[in-house]
Amino acid sequence: MLHTLMHSPSHSDLDTLLLMAEAGDDLLLLQDGVLAAVAGSRAWVQLSACKATLWVLDEDVQARGLSGQISTTVRSVDYNGFVTLTIRHPQQMVW
């Protein structure tokens, strides 16, 4: 399953997301959801325990001026990569 976190982590239910995400899933952080990947943040501490593979949409990271602040363990993807993730996972859960 592809999970997409589109909202700021302060307005998201990260606890439930972590319960739902399983190994083999992908979690894409986009729009204000990229804030959850800021290294050292409380949201990042929570997400670092996620079983799913973590991705950030590079365009949204750049738009928010966060390029140097994103954890190095998160994979970056462009819009073409986003499409690839949606093709790989017929089911999607938007958070």
PDB file of N, CA and C in Angstrom:
ATOM      1  N   MET A   1       0.843  -1.176   0.000  1.00  0.00           N
ATOM      2  CA  MET A   1       0.000   0.000   0.000  1.00  0.00           C
ATOM      3  C   MET A   1       0.890   1.242   0.000  1.00  0.00           C
ATOM      4  N   LEU A   2       0.421   2.272  -0.677  1.00  0.00           N
ATOM      5  CA  LEU A   2       1.100   3.563  -0.663  1.00  0.00           C
ATOM      6  C   LEU A   2       0.371   4.473   0.314  1.00  0.00           C
ATOM      7  N   HIS A   3       1.085   4.950   1.293  1.00  0.00           N
ATOM      8  CA  HIS A   3       0.563   5.924   2.247  1.00  0.00           C
ATOM      9  C   HIS A   3       1.121   7.280   1.832  1.00  0.00           C
ATOM     10  N   THR A   4       0.275   8.296   1.789  1.00  0.00           N
ATOM     11  CA  THR A   4       0.745   9.643   1.482  1.00  0.00           C
ATOM     12  C   THR A   4       0.357  10.569   2.633  1.00  0.00           C
ATOM     13  N   LEU A   5       1.357  11.215   3.189  1.00  0.00           N
ATOM     14  CA  LEU A   5       1.134  12.180   4.264  1.00  0.00           C
ATOM     15  C   LEU A   5       1.245  13.568   3.652  1.00  0.00           C
ATOM     16  N   MET A   6       0.113  14.266   3.597  1.00  0.00           N
ATOM     17  CA  MET A   6       0.052  15.552   2.920  1.00  0.00           C
ATOM     18  C   MET A   6      -0.037  16.734   3.880  1.00  0.00           C
ATOM     19  N   HIS A   7      -0.327  16.462   5.128  1.00  0.00           N
ATOM     20  CA  HIS A   7      -0.542  17.541   6.095  1.00  0.00           C
ATOM     21  C   HIS A   7       0.627  17.632   7.064  1.00  0.00           C
ATOM     22  N   SER A   8       0.755  18.771   7.671  1.00  0.00           N
ATOM     23  CA  SER A   8       1.780  18.977   8.687  1.00  0.00           C
ATOM     24  C   SER A   8       1.666  17.888   9.738  1.00  0.00           C
ATOM     25  N   PRO A   9       2.796  17.404  10.250  1.00  0.00           N
ATOM     26  CA  PRO A   9       2.724  16.359  11.277  1.00  0.00           C
ATOM     27  C   PRO A   9       1.961  16.793  12.524  1.00  0.00           C
ATOM     28  N   SER A  10       1.900  18.089  12.784  1.00  0.00           N
ATOM     29  CA  SER A  10       1.148  18.566  13.949  1.00  0.00           C
ATOM     30  C   SER A  10      -0.363  18.450  13.736  1.00  0.00           C
ATOM     31  N   HIS A  11      -0.785  18.235  12.494  1.00  0.00           N
ATOM     32  CA  HIS A  11      -2.209  18.075  12.175  1.00  0.00           C
ATOM     33  C   HIS A  11      -2.500  16.681  11.619  1.00  0.00           C
ATOM     34  N   SER A  12      -1.662  15.714  11.967  1.00  0.00           N
ATOM     35  CA  SER A  12      -1.805  14.354  11.446  1.00  0.00           C
ATOM     36  C   SER A  12      -1.772  13.350  12.591  1.00  0.00           C
ATOM     37  N   ASP A  13      -2.381  12.217  12.348  1.00  0.00           N
ATOM     38  CA  ASP A  13      -2.392  11.145  13.337  1.00  0.00           C
ATOM     39  C   ASP A  13      -1.258  10.163  13.014  1.00  0.00           C
ATOM     40  N   LEU A  14      -0.042  10.557  13.400  1.00  0.00           N
ATOM     41  CA  LEU A  14       1.125   9.730  13.095  1.00  0.00           C
ATOM     42  C   LEU A  14       1.078   8.384  13.810  1.00  0.00           C
ATOM     43  N   ASP A  15       0.497   8.342  14.992  1.00  0.00           N
ATOM     44  CA  ASP A  15       0.413   7.086  15.728  1.00  0.00           C
ATOM     45  C   ASP A  15      -0.392   6.047  14.939  1.00  0.00           C
ATOM     46  N   THR A  16      -1.535   6.448  14.411  1.00  0.00           N
ATOM     47  CA  THR A  16      -2.349   5.522  13.633  1.00  0.00           C
ATOM     48  C   THR A  16      -1.666   5.168  12.320  1.00  0.00           C
ATOM     49  N   LEU A  17      -1.030   6.138  11.686  1.00  0.00           N
ATOM     50  CA  LEU A  17      -0.290   5.862  10.452  1.00  0.00           C
ATOM     51  C   LEU A  17       0.754   4.777  10.700  1.00  0.00           C
ATOM     52  N   LEU A  18       1.480   4.891  11.790  1.00  0.00           N
ATOM     53  CA  LEU A  18       2.518   3.908  12.101  1.00  0.00           C
ATOM     54  C   LEU A  18       1.933   2.530  12.375  1.00  0.00           C
ATOM     55  N   LEU A  19       0.751   2.475  12.944  1.00  0.00           N
ATOM     56  CA  LEU A  19       0.085   1.189  13.169  1.00  0.00           C
ATOM     57  C   LEU A  19      -0.368   0.551  11.858  1.00  0.00           C
ATOM     58  N   MET A  20      -0.744   1.372  10.897  1.00  0.00           N
ATOM     59  CA  MET A  20      -1.274   0.874   9.623  1.00  0.00           C
ATOM     60  C   MET A  20      -0.181   0.508   8.621  1.00  0.00           C
ATOM     61  N   ALA A  21       0.931   1.226   8.642  1.00  0.00           N
ATOM     62  CA  ALA A  21       2.001   1.000   7.668  1.00  0.00           C
ATOM     63  C   ALA A  21       2.729  -0.299   7.987  1.00  0.00           C
ATOM     64  N   GLU A  22       2.917  -1.111   6.962  1.00  0.00           N
ATOM     65  CA  GLU A  22       3.559  -2.410   7.130  1.00  0.00           C
ATOM     66  C   GLU A  22       4.819  -2.499   6.283  1.00  0.00           C
ATOM     67  N   ALA A  23       5.632  -3.493   6.576  1.00  0.00           N
ATOM     68  CA  ALA A  23       6.805  -3.758   5.735  1.00  0.00           C
ATOM     69  C   ALA A  23       6.316  -4.031   4.313  1.00  0.00           C
ATOM     70  N   GLY A  24       7.002  -3.485   3.349  1.00  0.00           N
ATOM     71  CA  GLY A  24       6.590  -3.614   1.951  1.00  0.00           C
ATOM     72  C   GLY A  24       5.756  -2.445   1.464  1.00  0.00           C
ATOM     73  N   ASP A  25       5.253  -1.643   2.396  1.00  0.00           N
ATOM     74  CA  ASP A  25       4.515  -0.438   2.030  1.00  0.00           C
ATOM     75  C   ASP A  25       5.506   0.684   1.755  1.00  0.00           C
ATOM     76  N   ASP A  26       5.016   1.729   1.112  1.00  0.00           N
ATOM     77  CA  ASP A  26       5.780   2.959   0.917  1.00  0.00           C
ATOM     78  C   ASP A  26       5.002   4.098   1.543  1.00  0.00           C
ATOM     79  N   LEU A  27       5.732   5.023   2.155  1.00  0.00           N
ATOM     80  CA  LEU A  27       5.137   6.228   2.745  1.00  0.00           C
ATOM     81  C   LEU A  27       5.781   7.431   2.075  1.00  0.00           C
ATOM     82  N   LEU A  28       4.968   8.189   1.350  1.00  0.00           N
ATOM     83  CA  LEU A  28       5.449   9.380   0.653  1.00  0.00           C
ATOM     84  C   LEU A  28       4.994  10.622   1.398  1.00  0.00           C
ATOM     85  N   LEU A  29       5.945  11.447   1.774  1.00  0.00           N
ATOM     86  CA  LEU A  29       5.666  12.720   2.423  1.00  0.00           C
ATOM     87  C   LEU A  29       5.644  13.793   1.347  1.00  0.00           C
ATOM     88  N   LEU A  30       4.538  14.507   1.238  1.00  0.00           N
ATOM     89  CA  LEU A  30       4.438  15.560   0.245  1.00  0.00           C
ATOM     90  C   LEU A  30       3.670  16.739   0.821  1.00  0.00           C
ATOM     91  N   GLN A  31       3.650  17.827   0.111  1.00  0.00           N
ATOM     92  CA  GLN A  31       3.087  19.088   0.574  1.00  0.00           C
ATOM     93  C   GLN A  31       3.656  19.384   1.966  1.00  0.00           C
ATOM     94  N   ASP A  32       2.829  19.740   2.944  1.00  0.00           N
ATOM     95  CA  ASP A  32       3.351  20.042   4.285  1.00  0.00           C
ATOM     96  C   ASP A  32       3.785  18.792   5.040  1.00  0.00           C
ATOM     97  N   GLY A  33       3.485  17.625   4.519  1.00  0.00           N
ATOM     98  CA  GLY A  33       3.931  16.382   5.137  1.00  0.00           C
ATOM     99  C   GLY A  33       5.443  16.229   5.145  1.00  0.00           C
ATOM    100  N   VAL A  34       6.148  16.946   4.245  1.00  0.00           N
ATOM    101  CA  VAL A  34       7.612  16.859   4.220  1.00  0.00           C
ATOM    102  C   VAL A  34       8.223  17.368   5.521  1.00  0.00           C
ATOM    103  N   LEU A  35       7.480  18.159   6.282  1.00  0.00           N
ATOM    104  CA  LEU A  35       7.985  18.651   7.568  1.00  0.00           C
ATOM    105  C   LEU A  35       8.278  17.501   8.532  1.00  0.00           C
ATOM    106  N   ALA A  36       7.619  16.380   8.340  1.00  0.00           N
ATOM    107  CA  ALA A  36       7.834  15.222   9.213  1.00  0.00           C
ATOM    108  C   ALA A  36       9.210  14.599   9.008  1.00  0.00           C
ATOM    109  N   ALA A  37       9.883  14.928   7.914  1.00  0.00           N
ATOM    110  CA  ALA A  37      11.199  14.350   7.624  1.00  0.00           C
ATOM    111  C   ALA A  37      12.355  15.233   8.075  1.00  0.00           C
ATOM    112  N   VAL A  38      12.063  16.331   8.746  1.00  0.00           N
ATOM    113  CA  VAL A  38      13.133  17.203   9.240  1.00  0.00           C
ATOM    114  C   VAL A  38      13.901  16.451  10.326  1.00  0.00           C
ATOM    115  N   ALA A  39      15.194  16.291  10.090  1.00  0.00           N
ATOM    116  CA  ALA A  39      16.042  15.520  11.009  1.00  0.00           C
ATOM    117  C   ALA A  39      15.969  16.090  12.419  1.00  0.00           C
ATOM    118  N   GLY A  40      15.780  15.204  13.392  1.00  0.00           N
ATOM    119  CA  GLY A  40      15.758  15.604  14.789  1.00  0.00           C
ATOM    120  C   GLY A  40      14.416  16.084  15.302  1.00  0.00           C
ATOM    121  N   SER A  41      13.441  16.267  14.420  1.00  0.00           N
ATOM    122  CA  SER A  41      12.136  16.740  14.875  1.00  0.00           C
ATOM    123  C   SER A  41      11.386  15.621  15.597  1.00  0.00           C
ATOM    124  N   ARG A  42      10.425  15.997  16.390  1.00  0.00           N
ATOM    125  CA  ARG A  42       9.622  15.012  17.115  1.00  0.00           C
ATOM    126  C   ARG A  42       8.909  14.081  16.142  1.00  0.00           C
ATOM    127  N   ALA A  43       8.389  14.654  15.047  1.00  0.00           N
ATOM    128  CA  ALA A  43       7.714  13.828  14.037  1.00  0.00           C
ATOM    129  C   ALA A  43       8.686  12.836  13.410  1.00  0.00           C
ATOM    130  N   TRP A  44       9.921  13.280  13.150  1.00  0.00           N
ATOM    131  CA  TRP A  44      10.893  12.378  12.551  1.00  0.00           C
ATOM    132  C   TRP A  44      11.243  11.237  13.492  1.00  0.00           C
ATOM    133  N   VAL A  45      11.350  11.530  14.769  1.00  0.00           N
ATOM    134  CA  VAL A  45      11.630  10.475  15.748  1.00  0.00           C
ATOM    135  C   VAL A  45      10.537   9.411  15.674  1.00  0.00           C
ATOM    136  N   GLN A  46       9.284   9.837  15.554  1.00  0.00           N
ATOM    137  CA  GLN A  46       8.181   8.884  15.421  1.00  0.00           C
ATOM    138  C   GLN A  46       8.284   8.107  14.115  1.00  0.00           C
ATOM    139  N   LEU A  47       8.475   8.811  13.002  1.00  0.00           N
ATOM    140  CA  LEU A  47       8.480   8.159  11.690  1.00  0.00           C
ATOM    141  C   LEU A  47       9.688   7.262  11.471  1.00  0.00           C
ATOM    142  N   SER A  48      10.762   7.510  12.169  1.00  0.00           N
ATOM    143  CA  SER A  48      11.952   6.688  11.962  1.00  0.00           C
ATOM    144  C   SER A  48      11.718   5.238  12.379  1.00  0.00           C
ATOM    145  N   ALA A  49      10.667   4.981  13.146  1.00  0.00           N
ATOM    146  CA  ALA A  49      10.308   3.611  13.537  1.00  0.00           C
ATOM    147  C   ALA A  49       9.344   2.968  12.541  1.00  0.00           C
ATOM    148  N   CYS A  50       8.996   3.678  11.487  1.00  0.00           N
ATOM    149  CA  CYS A  50       8.029   3.183  10.510  1.00  0.00           C
ATOM    150  C   CYS A  50       8.588   1.982   9.747  1.00  0.00           C
ATOM    151  N   LYS A  51       7.751   0.973   9.542  1.00  0.00           N
ATOM    152  CA  LYS A  51       8.152  -0.229   8.811  1.00  0.00           C
ATOM    153  C   LYS A  51       8.185  -0.004   7.301  1.00  0.00           C
ATOM    154  N   ALA A  52       7.449   0.994   6.828  1.00  0.00           N
ATOM    155  CA  ALA A  52       7.374   1.290   5.397  1.00  0.00           C
ATOM    156  C   ALA A  52       8.631   2.034   4.939  1.00  0.00           C
ATOM    157  N   THR A  53       8.903   1.985   3.653  1.00  0.00           N
ATOM    158  CA  THR A  53       9.987   2.767   3.070  1.00  0.00           C
ATOM    159  C   THR A  53       9.534   4.217   2.991  1.00  0.00           C
ATOM    160  N   LEU A  54      10.377   5.133   3.466  1.00  0.00           N
ATOM    161  CA  LEU A  54      10.016   6.551   3.537  1.00  0.00           C
ATOM    162  C   LEU A  54      10.567   7.326   2.349  1.00  0.00           C
ATOM    163  N   TRP A  55       9.721   8.155   1.765  1.00  0.00           N
ATOM    164  CA  TRP A  55      10.064   8.993   0.619  1.00  0.00           C
ATOM    165  C   TRP A  55       9.601  10.418   0.883  1.00  0.00           C
ATOM    166  N   VAL A  56      10.291  11.393   0.287  1.00  0.00           N
ATOM    167  CA  VAL A  56       9.814  12.777   0.274  1.00  0.00           C
ATOM    168  C   VAL A  56       9.755  13.248  -1.174  1.00  0.00           C
ATOM    169  N   LEU A  57       8.764  14.070  -1.465  1.00  0.00           N
ATOM    170  CA  LEU A  57       8.663  14.663  -2.790  1.00  0.00           C
ATOM    171  C   LEU A  57       9.616  15.852  -2.843  1.00  0.00           C
ATOM    172  N   ASP A  58      10.645  15.724  -3.653  1.00  0.00           N
ATOM    173  CA  ASP A  58      11.726  16.703  -3.689  1.00  0.00           C
ATOM    174  C   ASP A  58      11.228  18.117  -3.986  1.00  0.00           C
ATOM    175  N   GLU A  59      10.274  18.264  -4.884  1.00  0.00           N
ATOM    176  CA  GLU A  59       9.766  19.590  -5.229  1.00  0.00           C
ATOM    177  C   GLU A  59       9.160  20.292  -4.010  1.00  0.00           C
ATOM    178  N   ASP A  60       8.478  19.544  -3.158  1.00  0.00           N
ATOM    179  CA  ASP A  60       7.881  20.143  -1.963  1.00  0.00           C
ATOM    180  C   ASP A  60       8.941  20.478  -0.919  1.00  0.00           C
ATOM    181  N   VAL A  61       9.980  19.662  -0.825  1.00  0.00           N
ATOM    182  CA  VAL A  61      11.095  19.964   0.082  1.00  0.00           C
ATOM    183  C   VAL A  61      11.761  21.269  -0.353  1.00  0.00           C
ATOM    184  N   GLN A  62      12.038  21.396  -1.638  1.00  0.00           N
ATOM    185  CA  GLN A  62      12.686  22.603  -2.156  1.00  0.00           C
ATOM    186  C   GLN A  62      11.792  23.831  -2.002  1.00  0.00           C
ATOM    187  N   ALA A  63      10.501  23.673  -2.248  1.00  0.00           N
ATOM    188  CA  ALA A  63       9.566  24.798  -2.147  1.00  0.00           C
ATOM    189  C   ALA A  63       9.508  25.362  -0.733  1.00  0.00           C
ATOM    190  N   ARG A  64       9.800  24.526   0.259  1.00  0.00           N
ATOM    191  CA  ARG A  64       9.758  24.957   1.652  1.00  0.00           C
ATOM    192  C   ARG A  64      11.135  25.302   2.197  1.00  0.00           C
ATOM    193  N   GLY A  65      12.157  25.245   1.350  1.00  0.00           N
ATOM    194  CA  GLY A  65      13.511  25.607   1.771  1.00  0.00           C
ATOM    195  C   GLY A  65      14.105  24.645   2.786  1.00  0.00           C
ATOM    196  N   LEU A  66      13.751  23.375   2.692  1.00  0.00           N
ATOM    197  CA  LEU A  66      14.182  22.389   3.681  1.00  0.00           C
ATOM    198  C   LEU A  66      15.248  21.422   3.177  1.00  0.00           C
ATOM    199  N   SER A  67      15.826  21.688   2.029  1.00  0.00           N
ATOM    200  CA  SER A  67      16.746  20.732   1.408  1.00  0.00           C
ATOM    201  C   SER A  67      17.859  20.271   2.338  1.00  0.00           C
ATOM    202  N   GLY A  68      18.437  21.144   3.112  1.00  0.00           N
ATOM    203  CA  GLY A  68      19.532  20.768   3.994  1.00  0.00           C
ATOM    204  C   GLY A  68      19.094  20.229   5.341  1.00  0.00           C
ATOM    205  N   GLN A  69      17.779  20.154   5.575  1.00  0.00           N
ATOM    206  CA  GLN A  69      17.290  19.764   6.893  1.00  0.00           C
ATOM    207  C   GLN A  69      16.606  18.397   6.919  1.00  0.00           C
ATOM    208  N   ILE A  70      16.415  17.810   5.766  1.00  0.00           N
ATOM    209  CA  ILE A  70      15.731  16.516   5.684  1.00  0.00           C
ATOM    210  C   ILE A  70      16.686  15.396   6.093  1.00  0.00           C
ATOM    211  N   SER A  71      16.180  14.439   6.853  1.00  0.00           N
ATOM    212  CA  SER A  71      16.997  13.305   7.285  1.00  0.00           C
ATOM    213  C   SER A  71      17.604  12.595   6.074  1.00  0.00           C
ATOM    214  N   THR A  72      18.837  12.198   6.210  1.00  0.00           N
ATOM    215  CA  THR A  72      19.529  11.530   5.106  1.00  0.00           C
ATOM    216  C   THR A  72      19.054  10.096   4.900  1.00  0.00           C
ATOM    217  N   THR A  73      18.245   9.573   5.790  1.00  0.00           N
ATOM    218  CA  THR A  73      17.739   8.205   5.627  1.00  0.00           C
ATOM    219  C   THR A  73      16.437   8.149   4.833  1.00  0.00           C
ATOM    220  N   VAL A  74      15.898   9.307   4.462  1.00  0.00           N
ATOM    221  CA  VAL A  74      14.675   9.369   3.661  1.00  0.00           C
ATOM    222  C   VAL A  74      15.072   9.454   2.192  1.00  0.00           C
ATOM    223  N   ARG A  75      14.383   8.708   1.370  1.00  0.00           N
ATOM    224  CA  ARG A  75      14.653   8.737  -0.069  1.00  0.00           C
ATOM    225  C   ARG A  75      13.876   9.875  -0.714  1.00  0.00           C
ATOM    226  N   SER A  76      14.507  10.524  -1.667  1.00  0.00           N
ATOM    227  CA  SER A  76      13.882  11.637  -2.383  1.00  0.00           C
ATOM    228  C   SER A  76      13.335  11.128  -3.719  1.00  0.00           C
ATOM    229  N   VAL A  77      12.198  11.671  -4.123  1.00  0.00           N
ATOM    230  CA  VAL A  77      11.564  11.264  -5.370  1.00  0.00           C
ATOM    231  C   VAL A  77      10.992  12.505  -6.051  1.00  0.00           C
ATOM    232  N   ASP A  78      10.999  12.506  -7.378  1.00  0.00           N
ATOM    233  CA  ASP A  78      10.377  13.590  -8.136  1.00  0.00           C
ATOM    234  C   ASP A  78       8.964  13.145  -8.545  1.00  0.00           C
ATOM    235  N   TYR A  79       8.292  13.951  -9.373  1.00  0.00           N
ATOM    236  CA  TYR A  79       6.924  13.604  -9.763  1.00  0.00           C
ATOM    237  C   TYR A  79       6.864  12.295 -10.554  1.00  0.00           C
ATOM    238  N   ASN A  80       7.859  12.028 -11.376  1.00  0.00           N
ATOM    239  CA  ASN A  80       7.882  10.754 -12.101  1.00  0.00           C
ATOM    240  C   ASN A  80       7.990   9.584 -11.127  1.00  0.00           C
ATOM    241  N   GLY A  81       8.799   9.755 -10.094  1.00  0.00           N
ATOM    242  CA  GLY A  81       8.909   8.724  -9.066  1.00  0.00           C
ATOM    243  C   GLY A  81       7.609   8.551  -8.291  1.00  0.00           C
ATOM    244  N   PHE A  82       6.891   9.642  -8.081  1.00  0.00           N
ATOM    245  CA  PHE A  82       5.584   9.587  -7.422  1.00  0.00           C
ATOM    246  C   PHE A  82       4.630   8.724  -8.249  1.00  0.00           C
ATOM    247  N   VAL A  83       4.638   8.946  -9.553  1.00  0.00           N
ATOM    248  CA  VAL A  83       3.789   8.146 -10.443  1.00  0.00           C
ATOM    249  C   VAL A  83       4.184   6.674 -10.360  1.00  0.00           C
ATOM    250  N   THR A  84       5.478   6.397 -10.327  1.00  0.00           N
ATOM    251  CA  THR A  84       5.955   5.015 -10.213  1.00  0.00           C
ATOM    252  C   THR A  84       5.441   4.365  -8.934  1.00  0.00           C
ATOM    253  N   LEU A  85       5.461   5.113  -7.826  1.00  0.00           N
ATOM    254  CA  LEU A  85       4.942   4.580  -6.564  1.00  0.00           C
ATOM    255  C   LEU A  85       3.444   4.284  -6.656  1.00  0.00           C
ATOM    256  N   THR A  86       2.689   5.136  -7.332  1.00  0.00           N
ATOM    257  CA  THR A  86       1.242   4.894  -7.450  1.00  0.00           C
ATOM    258  C   THR A  86       0.953   3.697  -8.347  1.00  0.00           C
ATOM    259  N   ILE A  87       1.795   3.474  -9.341  1.00  0.00           N
ATOM    260  CA  ILE A  87       1.626   2.288 -10.193  1.00  0.00           C
ATOM    261  C   ILE A  87       1.956   1.022  -9.410  1.00  0.00           C
ATOM    262  N   ARG A  88       2.994   1.080  -8.596  1.00  0.00           N
ATOM    263  CA  ARG A  88       3.429  -0.074  -7.800  1.00  0.00           C
ATOM    264  C   ARG A  88       2.371  -0.487  -6.775  1.00  0.00           C
ATOM    265  N   HIS A  89       1.624   0.506  -6.266  1.00  0.00           N
ATOM    266  CA  HIS A  89       0.644   0.228  -5.206  1.00  0.00           C
ATOM    267  C   HIS A  89      -0.761   0.617  -5.674  1.00  0.00           C
ATOM    268  N   PRO A  90      -1.570  -0.356  -6.052  1.00  0.00           N
ATOM    269  CA  PRO A  90      -2.946  -0.033  -6.497  1.00  0.00           C
ATOM    270  C   PRO A  90      -3.793   0.570  -5.373  1.00  0.00           C
ATOM    271  N   GLN A  91      -3.456   0.271  -4.116  1.00  0.00           N
ATOM    272  CA  GLN A  91      -4.180   0.841  -2.987  1.00  0.00           C
ATOM    273  C   GLN A  91      -3.393   1.989  -2.390  1.00  0.00           C
ATOM    274  N   GLN A  92      -4.120   3.051  -2.033  1.00  0.00           N
ATOM    275  CA  GLN A  92      -3.473   4.218  -1.451  1.00  0.00           C
ATOM    276  C   GLN A  92      -4.275   4.730  -0.265  1.00  0.00           C
ATOM    277  N   MET A  93      -3.568   5.135   0.770  1.00  0.00           N
ATOM    278  CA  MET A  93      -4.197   5.718   1.956  1.00  0.00           C
ATOM    279  C   MET A  93      -3.620   7.121   2.118  1.00  0.00           C
ATOM    280  N   VAL A  94      -4.513   8.111   2.112  1.00  0.00           N
ATOM    281  CA  VAL A  94      -4.097   9.499   2.244  1.00  0.00           C
ATOM    282  C   VAL A  94      -4.272   9.929   3.702  1.00  0.00           C
ATOM    283  N   TRP A  95      -3.228  10.509   4.252  1.00  0.00           N
ATOM    284  CA  TRP A  95      -3.241  10.956   5.646  1.00  0.00           C
ATOM    285  C   TRP A  95      -3.205  12.473   5.696  1.00  0.00           C
TER     286      TRP A  95
END
